PDB file of all heavy atoms in Angstrom:
ATOM      1  N   VAL A   1     -40.629  27.715  -4.567  1.00  0.00           N
ATOM      2  CA  VAL A   1     -39.226  27.303  -4.590  1.00  0.00           C
ATOM      3  C   VAL A   1     -38.762  27.056  -6.003  1.00  0.00           C
ATOM      4  O   VAL A   1     -39.478  26.438  -6.808  1.00  0.00           O
ATOM      5  CB  VAL A   1     -39.053  25.990  -3.750  1.00  0.00           C
ATOM      6  CG1 VAL A   1     -37.684  25.370  -3.983  1.00  0.00           C
ATOM      7  CG2 VAL A   1     -39.286  26.271  -2.253  1.00  0.00           C
ATOM      8  N   SER A   2     -37.609  27.606  -6.314  1.00  0.00           N
ATOM      9  CA  SER A   2     -36.984  27.336  -7.605  1.00  0.00           C
ATOM     10  C   SER A   2     -35.948  26.243  -7.427  1.00  0.00           C
ATOM     11  O   SER A   2     -35.219  26.206  -6.394  1.00  0.00           O
ATOM     12  CB  SER A   2     -36.290  28.555  -8.188  1.00  0.00           C
ATOM     13  OG  SER A   2     -37.237  29.546  -8.531  1.00  0.00           O
ATOM     14  N   VAL A   3     -35.807  25.340  -8.382  1.00  0.00           N
ATOM     15  CA  VAL A   3     -34.810  24.287  -8.374  1.00  0.00           C
ATOM     16  C   VAL A   3     -33.872  24.520  -9.580  1.00  0.00           C
ATOM     17  O   VAL A   3     -34.334  24.553 -10.718  1.00  0.00           O
ATOM     18  CB  VAL A   3     -35.431  22.904  -8.449  1.00  0.00           C
ATOM     19  CG1 VAL A   3     -34.338  21.802  -8.439  1.00  0.00           C
ATOM     20  CG2 VAL A   3     -36.381  22.694  -7.293  1.00  0.00           C
ATOM     21  N   ILE A   4     -32.591  24.756  -9.312  1.00  0.00           N
ATOM     22  CA  ILE A   4     -31.634  24.992 -10.359  1.00  0.00           C
ATOM     23  C   ILE A   4     -30.506  23.916 -10.297  1.00  0.00           C
ATOM     24  O   ILE A   4     -30.396  23.191  -9.286  1.00  0.00           O
ATOM     25  CB  ILE A   4     -31.015  26.384 -10.239  1.00  0.00           C
ATOM     26  CG1 ILE A   4     -30.237  26.521  -8.927  1.00  0.00           C
ATOM     27  CG2 ILE A   4     -32.061  27.460 -10.352  1.00  0.00           C
ATOM     28  CD1 ILE A   4     -29.444  27.846  -8.824  1.00  0.00           C
ATOM     29  N   GLY A   5     -29.776  23.849 -11.377  1.00  0.00           N
ATOM     30  CA  GLY A   5     -28.678  22.886 -11.434  1.00  0.00           C
ATOM     31  C   GLY A   5     -28.355  22.507 -12.866  1.00  0.00           C
ATOM     32  O   GLY A   5     -29.172  22.787 -13.771  1.00  0.00           O
ATOM     33  N   PRO A   6     -27.179  21.970 -13.090  1.00  0.00           N
ATOM     34  CA  PRO A   6     -26.798  21.610 -14.453  1.00  0.00           C
ATOM     35  C   PRO A   6     -27.688  20.510 -15.093  1.00  0.00           C
ATOM     36  O   PRO A   6     -28.399  19.837 -14.385  1.00  0.00           O
ATOM     37  CB  PRO A   6     -25.336  21.114 -14.276  1.00  0.00           C
ATOM     38  CG  PRO A   6     -25.270  20.680 -12.872  1.00  0.00           C
ATOM     39  CD  PRO A   6     -26.153  21.578 -12.109  1.00  0.00           C
ATOM     40  N   SER A   7     -27.623  20.396 -16.381  1.00  0.00           N
ATOM     41  CA  SER A   7     -28.390  19.333 -17.067  1.00  0.00           C
ATOM     42  C   SER A   7     -27.967  17.969 -16.539  1.00  0.00           C
ATOM     43  O   SER A   7     -26.784  17.714 -16.294  1.00  0.00           O
ATOM     44  CB  SER A   7     -28.110  19.400 -18.598  1.00  0.00           C
ATOM     45  OG  SER A   7     -28.588  20.626 -19.109  1.00  0.00           O
ATOM     46  N   GLY A   8     -28.960  17.085 -16.292  1.00  0.00           N
ATOM     47  CA  GLY A   8     -28.649  15.769 -15.835  1.00  0.00           C
ATOM     48  C   GLY A   8     -28.435  15.661 -14.306  1.00  0.00           C
ATOM     49  O   GLY A   8     -28.074  14.641 -13.807  1.00  0.00           O
ATOM     50  N   SER A   9     -28.712  16.731 -13.580  1.00  0.00           N
ATOM     51  CA  SER A   9     -28.490  16.702 -12.164  1.00  0.00           C
ATOM     52  C   SER A   9     -29.598  16.101 -11.372  1.00  0.00           C
ATOM     53  O   SER A   9     -29.461  15.844 -10.155  1.00  0.00           O
ATOM     54  CB  SER A   9     -28.216  18.165 -11.662  1.00  0.00           C
ATOM     55  OG  SER A   9     -29.333  18.974 -11.938  1.00  0.00           O
ATOM     56  N   GLY A  10     -30.788  15.858 -11.987  1.00  0.00           N
ATOM     57  CA  GLY A  10     -31.873  15.211 -11.291  1.00  0.00           C
ATOM     58  C   GLY A  10     -33.115  16.087 -11.058  1.00  0.00           C
ATOM     59  O   GLY A  10     -34.040  15.667 -10.344  1.00  0.00           O
ATOM     60  N   LYS A  11     -33.120  17.292 -11.599  1.00  0.00           N
ATOM     61  CA  LYS A  11     -34.170  18.249 -11.357  1.00  0.00           C
ATOM     62  C   LYS A  11     -35.523  17.745 -11.790  1.00  0.00           C
ATOM     63  O   LYS A  11     -36.520  17.715 -11.027  1.00  0.00           O
ATOM     64  CB  LYS A  11     -33.899  19.585 -12.052  1.00  0.00           C
ATOM     65  CG  LYS A  11     -32.548  20.206 -11.672  1.00  0.00           C
ATOM     66  CD  LYS A  11     -32.398  21.593 -12.301  1.00  0.00           C
ATOM     67  CE  LYS A  11     -32.408  21.582 -13.807  1.00  0.00           C
ATOM     68  NZ  LYS A  11     -31.312  20.809 -14.393  1.00  0.00           N
ATOM     69  N   THR A  12     -35.625  17.318 -13.047  1.00  0.00           N
ATOM     70  CA  THR A  12     -36.932  16.866 -13.597  1.00  0.00           C
ATOM     71  C   THR A  12     -37.329  15.523 -12.915  1.00  0.00           C
ATOM     72  O   THR A  12     -38.498  15.304 -12.672  1.00  0.00           O
ATOM     73  CB  THR A  12     -36.819  16.685 -15.132  1.00  0.00           C
ATOM     74  OG1 THR A  12     -36.615  18.001 -15.714  1.00  0.00           O
ATOM     75  CG2 THR A  12     -38.111  16.080 -15.683  1.00  0.00           C
ATOM     76  N   THR A  13     -36.353  14.664 -12.647  1.00  0.00           N
ATOM     77  CA  THR A  13     -36.670  13.414 -11.994  1.00  0.00           C
ATOM     78  C   THR A  13     -37.273  13.693 -10.628  1.00  0.00           C
ATOM     79  O   THR A  13     -38.286  13.035 -10.252  1.00  0.00           O
ATOM     80  CB  THR A  13     -35.390  12.588 -11.761  1.00  0.00           C
ATOM     81  OG1 THR A  13     -34.810  12.251 -13.039  1.00  0.00           O
ATOM     82  CG2 THR A  13     -35.652  11.274 -11.030  1.00  0.00           C
ATOM     83  N   LEU A  14     -36.744  14.635  -9.861  1.00  0.00           N
ATOM     84  CA  LEU A  14     -37.355  15.009  -8.566  1.00  0.00           C
ATOM     85  C   LEU A  14     -38.768  15.465  -8.752  1.00  0.00           C
ATOM     86  O   LEU A  14     -39.676  15.030  -8.016  1.00  0.00           O
ATOM     87  CB  LEU A  14     -36.489  16.113  -7.954  1.00  0.00           C
ATOM     88  CG  LEU A  14     -37.080  16.775  -6.666  1.00  0.00           C
ATOM     89  CD1 LEU A  14     -37.221  15.793  -5.566  1.00  0.00           C
ATOM     90  CD2 LEU A  14     -36.229  17.988  -6.282  1.00  0.00           C
ATOM     91  N   LEU A  15     -39.008  16.342  -9.689  1.00  0.00           N
ATOM     92  CA  LEU A  15     -40.343  16.874  -9.945  1.00  0.00           C
ATOM     93  C   LEU A  15     -41.345  15.766 -10.309  1.00  0.00           C
ATOM     94  O   LEU A  15     -42.450  15.731  -9.774  1.00  0.00           O
ATOM     95  CB  LEU A  15     -40.308  17.897 -11.083  1.00  0.00           C
ATOM     96  CG  LEU A  15     -41.056  19.229 -10.896  1.00  0.00           C
ATOM     97  CD1 LEU A  15     -40.532  19.924  -9.664  1.00  0.00           C
ATOM     98  CD2 LEU A  15     -40.874  20.095 -12.133  1.00  0.00           C
ATOM     99  N   ASN A  16     -40.895  14.849 -11.139  1.00  0.00           N
ATOM    100  CA  ASN A  16     -41.784  13.735 -11.583  1.00  0.00           C
ATOM    101  C   ASN A  16     -42.145  12.809 -10.433  1.00  0.00           C
ATOM    102  O   ASN A  16     -43.269  12.313 -10.368  1.00  0.00           O
ATOM    103  CB  ASN A  16     -41.114  12.958 -12.706  1.00  0.00           C
ATOM    104  CG  ASN A  16     -41.098  13.685 -13.995  1.00  0.00           C
ATOM    105  OD1 ASN A  16     -41.822  14.678 -14.205  1.00  0.00           O
ATOM    106  ND2 ASN A  16     -40.280  13.275 -14.948  1.00  0.00           N
ATOM    107  N   ILE A  17     -41.227  12.565  -9.531  1.00  0.00           N
ATOM    108  CA  ILE A  17     -41.507  11.700  -8.382  1.00  0.00           C
ATOM    109  C   ILE A  17     -42.427  12.374  -7.392  1.00  0.00           C
ATOM    110  O   ILE A  17     -43.397  11.768  -6.908  1.00  0.00           O
ATOM    111  CB  ILE A  17     -40.195  11.223  -7.690  1.00  0.00           C
ATOM    112  CG1 ILE A  17     -39.398  10.342  -8.638  1.00  0.00           C
ATOM    113  CG2 ILE A  17     -40.508  10.495  -6.387  1.00  0.00           C
ATOM    114  CD1 ILE A  17     -38.037   9.915  -8.123  1.00  0.00           C
ATOM    115  N   VAL A  18     -42.164  13.636  -7.105  1.00  0.00           N
ATOM    116  CA  VAL A  18     -43.070  14.385  -6.224  1.00  0.00           C
ATOM    117  C   VAL A  18     -44.472  14.458  -6.769  1.00  0.00           C
ATOM    118  O   VAL A  18     -45.483  14.350  -6.046  1.00  0.00           O
ATOM    119  CB  VAL A  18     -42.507  15.827  -5.956  1.00  0.00           C
ATOM    120  CG1 VAL A  18     -43.544  16.683  -5.242  1.00  0.00           C
ATOM    121  CG2 VAL A  18     -41.228  15.785  -5.150  1.00  0.00           C
ATOM    122  N   GLY A  19     -44.573  14.596  -8.110  1.00  0.00           N
ATOM    123  CA  GLY A  19     -45.870  14.728  -8.774  1.00  0.00           C
ATOM    124  C   GLY A  19     -46.566  13.428  -9.100  1.00  0.00           C
ATOM    125  O   GLY A  19     -47.640  13.417  -9.714  1.00  0.00           O
ATOM    126  N   GLY A  20     -45.939  12.305  -8.733  1.00  0.00           N
ATOM    127  CA  GLY A  20     -46.558  10.982  -8.961  1.00  0.00           C
ATOM    128  C   GLY A  20     -46.484  10.491 -10.365  1.00  0.00           C
ATOM    129  O   GLY A  20     -47.240   9.573 -10.764  1.00  0.00           O
ATOM    130  N   LEU A  21     -45.591  11.069 -11.158  1.00  0.00           N
ATOM    131  CA  LEU A  21     -45.388  10.594 -12.551  1.00  0.00           C
ATOM    132  C   LEU A  21     -44.321   9.531 -12.676  1.00  0.00           C
ATOM    133  O   LEU A  21     -44.243   8.886 -13.708  1.00  0.00           O
ATOM    134  CB  LEU A  21     -45.007  11.802 -13.450  1.00  0.00           C
ATOM    135  CG  LEU A  21     -46.083  12.875 -13.647  1.00  0.00           C
ATOM    136  CD1 LEU A  21     -45.497  14.047 -14.426  1.00  0.00           C
ATOM    137  CD2 LEU A  21     -47.328  12.324 -14.345  1.00  0.00           C
ATOM    138  N   ASP A  22     -43.525   9.398 -11.653  1.00  0.00           N
ATOM    139  CA  ASP A  22     -42.447   8.382 -11.631  1.00  0.00           C
ATOM    140  C   ASP A  22     -42.378   7.825 -10.197  1.00  0.00           C
ATOM    141  O   ASP A  22     -42.803   8.463  -9.250  1.00  0.00           O
ATOM    142  CB  ASP A  22     -41.125   9.019 -12.061  1.00  0.00           C
ATOM    143  CG  ASP A  22     -40.112   8.019 -12.533  1.00  0.00           C
ATOM    144  OD1 ASP A  22     -40.394   6.790 -12.461  1.00  0.00           O
ATOM    145  OD2 ASP A  22     -39.016   8.473 -12.982  1.00  0.00           O
ATOM    146  N   GLU A  23     -41.763   6.642 -10.093  1.00  0.00           N
ATOM    147  CA  GLU A  23     -41.625   6.019  -8.764  1.00  0.00           C
ATOM    148  C   GLU A  23     -40.208   6.060  -8.285  1.00  0.00           C
ATOM    149  O   GLU A  23     -39.261   5.933  -9.081  1.00  0.00           O
ATOM    150  CB  GLU A  23     -42.063   4.531  -8.886  1.00  0.00           C
ATOM    151  CG  GLU A  23     -43.538   4.363  -9.165  1.00  0.00           C
ATOM    152  CD  GLU A  23     -43.951   2.878  -9.193  1.00  0.00           C
ATOM    153  OE1 GLU A  23     -43.072   2.037  -8.781  1.00  0.00           O
ATOM    154  OE2 GLU A  23     -45.054   2.603  -9.561  1.00  0.00           O
ATOM    155  N   ALA A  24     -40.032   6.301  -7.009  1.00  0.00           N
ATOM    156  CA  ALA A  24     -38.689   6.338  -6.391  1.00  0.00           C
ATOM    157  C   ALA A  24     -38.178   4.902  -6.244  1.00  0.00           C
ATOM    158  O   ALA A  24     -38.956   3.958  -6.067  1.00  0.00           O
ATOM    159  CB  ALA A  24     -38.733   7.006  -5.057  1.00  0.00           C
ATOM    160  N   THR A  25     -36.846   4.748  -6.288  1.00  0.00           N
ATOM    161  CA  THR A  25     -36.243   3.465  -6.004  1.00  0.00           C
ATOM    162  C   THR A  25     -36.138   3.247  -4.500  1.00  0.00           C
ATOM    163  O   THR A  25     -36.343   2.119  -3.996  1.00  0.00           O
ATOM    164  CB  THR A  25     -34.797   3.433  -6.600  1.00  0.00           C
ATOM    165  OG1 THR A  25     -34.898   3.703  -8.036  1.00  0.00           O
ATOM    166  CG2 THR A  25     -34.165   2.093  -6.406  1.00  0.00           C
ATOM    167  N   ALA A  26     -35.900   4.317  -3.784  1.00  0.00           N
ATOM    168  CA  ALA A  26     -35.847   4.231  -2.305  1.00  0.00           C
ATOM    169  C   ALA A  26     -36.168   5.659  -1.768  1.00  0.00           C
ATOM    170  O   ALA A  26     -36.112   6.656  -2.472  1.00  0.00           O
ATOM    171  CB  ALA A  26     -34.538   3.758  -1.815  1.00  0.00           C
ATOM    172  N   GLY A  27     -36.488   5.713  -0.467  1.00  0.00           N
ATOM    173  CA  GLY A  27     -36.742   7.011   0.180  1.00  0.00           C
ATOM    174  C   GLY A  27     -38.263   7.258   0.211  1.00  0.00           C
ATOM    175  O   GLY A  27     -39.085   6.423  -0.204  1.00  0.00           O
ATOM    176  N   SER A  28     -38.639   8.439   0.697  1.00  0.00           N
ATOM    177  CA  SER A  28     -40.064   8.743   0.846  1.00  0.00           C
ATOM    178  C   SER A  28     -40.341  10.167   0.374  1.00  0.00           C
ATOM    179  O   SER A  28     -39.500  11.063   0.428  1.00  0.00           O
ATOM    180  CB  SER A  28     -40.489   8.593   2.302  1.00  0.00           C
ATOM    181  OG  SER A  28     -39.887   9.587   3.117  1.00  0.00           O
ATOM    182  N   VAL A  29     -41.574  10.325  -0.118  1.00  0.00           N
ATOM    183  CA  VAL A  29     -42.145  11.661  -0.480  1.00  0.00           C
ATOM    184  C   VAL A  29     -43.475  11.811   0.116  1.00  0.00           C
ATOM    185  O   VAL A  29     -44.386  10.982  -0.082  1.00  0.00           O
ATOM    186  CB  VAL A  29     -42.214  11.766  -2.050  1.00  0.00           C
ATOM    187  CG1 VAL A  29     -42.916  13.101  -2.395  1.00  0.00           C
ATOM    188  CG2 VAL A  29     -40.896  11.655  -2.718  1.00  0.00           C
ATOM    189  N   ARG A  30     -43.599  12.837   0.960  1.00  0.00           N
ATOM    190  CA  ARG A  30     -44.921  13.140   1.565  1.00  0.00           C
ATOM    191  C   ARG A  30     -45.392  14.496   1.070  1.00  0.00           C
ATOM    192  O   ARG A  30     -44.672  15.494   1.165  1.00  0.00           O
ATOM    193  CB  ARG A  30     -44.818  13.135   3.091  1.00  0.00           C
ATOM    194  CG  ARG A  30     -46.149  13.436   3.762  1.00  0.00           C
ATOM    195  CD  ARG A  30     -46.028  13.351   5.302  1.00  0.00           C
ATOM    196  NE  ARG A  30     -44.984  14.204   5.832  1.00  0.00           N
ATOM    197  CZ  ARG A  30     -45.043  15.512   5.963  1.00  0.00           C
ATOM    198  NH1 ARG A  30     -46.110  16.175   5.617  1.00  0.00           N
ATOM    199  NH2 ARG A  30     -43.988  16.153   6.470  1.00  0.00           N
ATOM    200  N   VAL A  31     -46.613  14.558   0.536  1.00  0.00           N
ATOM    201  CA  VAL A  31     -47.227  15.787   0.109  1.00  0.00           C
ATOM    202  C   VAL A  31     -48.464  15.990   0.962  1.00  0.00           C
ATOM    203  O   VAL A  31     -49.456  15.251   0.876  1.00  0.00           O
ATOM    204  CB  VAL A  31     -47.617  15.749  -1.375  1.00  0.00           C
ATOM    205  CG1 VAL A  31     -48.306  17.023  -1.796  1.00  0.00           C
ATOM    206  CG2 VAL A  31     -46.327  15.532  -2.260  1.00  0.00           C
ATOM    207  N   GLY A  32     -48.446  16.969   1.844  1.00  0.00           N
ATOM    208  CA  GLY A  32     -49.488  17.105   2.850  1.00  0.00           C
ATOM    209  C   GLY A  32     -49.504  15.886   3.719  1.00  0.00           C
ATOM    210  O   GLY A  32     -48.504  15.494   4.317  1.00  0.00           O
ATOM    211  N   ASP A  33     -50.669  15.225   3.816  1.00  0.00           N
ATOM    212  CA  ASP A  33     -50.810  14.013   4.623  1.00  0.00           C
ATOM    213  C   ASP A  33     -50.639  12.741   3.775  1.00  0.00           C
ATOM    214  O   ASP A  33     -50.819  11.634   4.278  1.00  0.00           O
ATOM    215  CB  ASP A  33     -52.176  13.998   5.307  1.00  0.00           C
ATOM    216  CG  ASP A  33     -52.360  15.101   6.298  1.00  0.00           C
ATOM    217  OD1 ASP A  33     -51.351  15.504   6.938  1.00  0.00           O
ATOM    218  OD2 ASP A  33     -53.482  15.600   6.445  1.00  0.00           O
ATOM    219  N   THR A  34     -50.290  12.928   2.496  1.00  0.00           N
ATOM    220  CA  THR A  34     -50.225  11.782   1.574  1.00  0.00           C
ATOM    221  C   THR A  34     -48.798  11.281   1.385  1.00  0.00           C
ATOM    222  O   THR A  34     -47.929  12.069   1.029  1.00  0.00           O
ATOM    223  CB  THR A  34     -50.822  12.143   0.203  1.00  0.00           C
ATOM    224  OG1 THR A  34     -52.157  12.584   0.328  1.00  0.00           O
ATOM    225  CG2 THR A  34     -50.744  10.974  -0.731  1.00  0.00           C
ATOM    226  N   GLU A  35     -48.590  10.038   1.698  1.00  0.00           N
ATOM    227  CA  GLU A  35     -47.293   9.401   1.454  1.00  0.00           C
ATOM    228  C   GLU A  35     -47.334   8.892  -0.006  1.00  0.00           C
ATOM    229  O   GLU A  35     -47.855   7.823  -0.328  1.00  0.00           O
ATOM    230  CB  GLU A  35     -47.049   8.220   2.407  1.00  0.00           C
ATOM    231  CG  GLU A  35     -45.693   7.586   2.274  1.00  0.00           C
ATOM    232  CD  GLU A  35     -44.555   8.567   2.670  1.00  0.00           C
ATOM    233  OE1 GLU A  35     -44.753   9.309   3.682  1.00  0.00           O
ATOM    234  OE2 GLU A  35     -43.520   8.543   2.009  1.00  0.00           O
ATOM    235  N   VAL A  36     -46.742   9.721  -0.916  1.00  0.00           N
ATOM    236  CA  VAL A  36     -46.859   9.444  -2.324  1.00  0.00           C
ATOM    237  C   VAL A  36     -46.203   8.145  -2.738  1.00  0.00           C
ATOM    238  O   VAL A  36     -46.738   7.380  -3.574  1.00  0.00           O
ATOM    239  CB  VAL A  36     -46.183  10.614  -3.142  1.00  0.00           C
ATOM    240  CG1 VAL A  36     -46.292  10.346  -4.671  1.00  0.00           C
ATOM    241  CG2 VAL A  36     -46.809  11.930  -2.808  1.00  0.00           C
ATOM    242  N   SER A  37     -45.071   7.815  -2.093  1.00  0.00           N
ATOM    243  CA  SER A  37     -44.366   6.608  -2.440  1.00  0.00           C
ATOM    244  C   SER A  37     -45.124   5.323  -2.049  1.00  0.00           C
ATOM    245  O   SER A  37     -44.769   4.251  -2.453  1.00  0.00           O
ATOM    246  CB  SER A  37     -42.985   6.597  -1.754  1.00  0.00           C
ATOM    247  OG  SER A  37     -43.049   7.055  -0.427  1.00  0.00           O
ATOM    248  N   ALA A  38     -46.210   5.453  -1.249  1.00  0.00           N
ATOM    249  CA  ALA A  38     -47.014   4.291  -0.857  1.00  0.00           C
ATOM    250  C   ALA A  38     -48.279   4.096  -1.679  1.00  0.00           C
ATOM    251  O   ALA A  38     -49.039   3.167  -1.453  1.00  0.00           O
ATOM    252  CB  ALA A  38     -47.377   4.424   0.612  1.00  0.00           C
TER     253      ALA A  38
END
């Protein structure tokens, strides 16, 4: 999957949260059977 959008739209933030480099303020991210946000 490619993620496109203007600068400052949240692309890198999304990647960092999915990859466990940053923490979400709210919501959930599941990768396989792992609930990353937990």
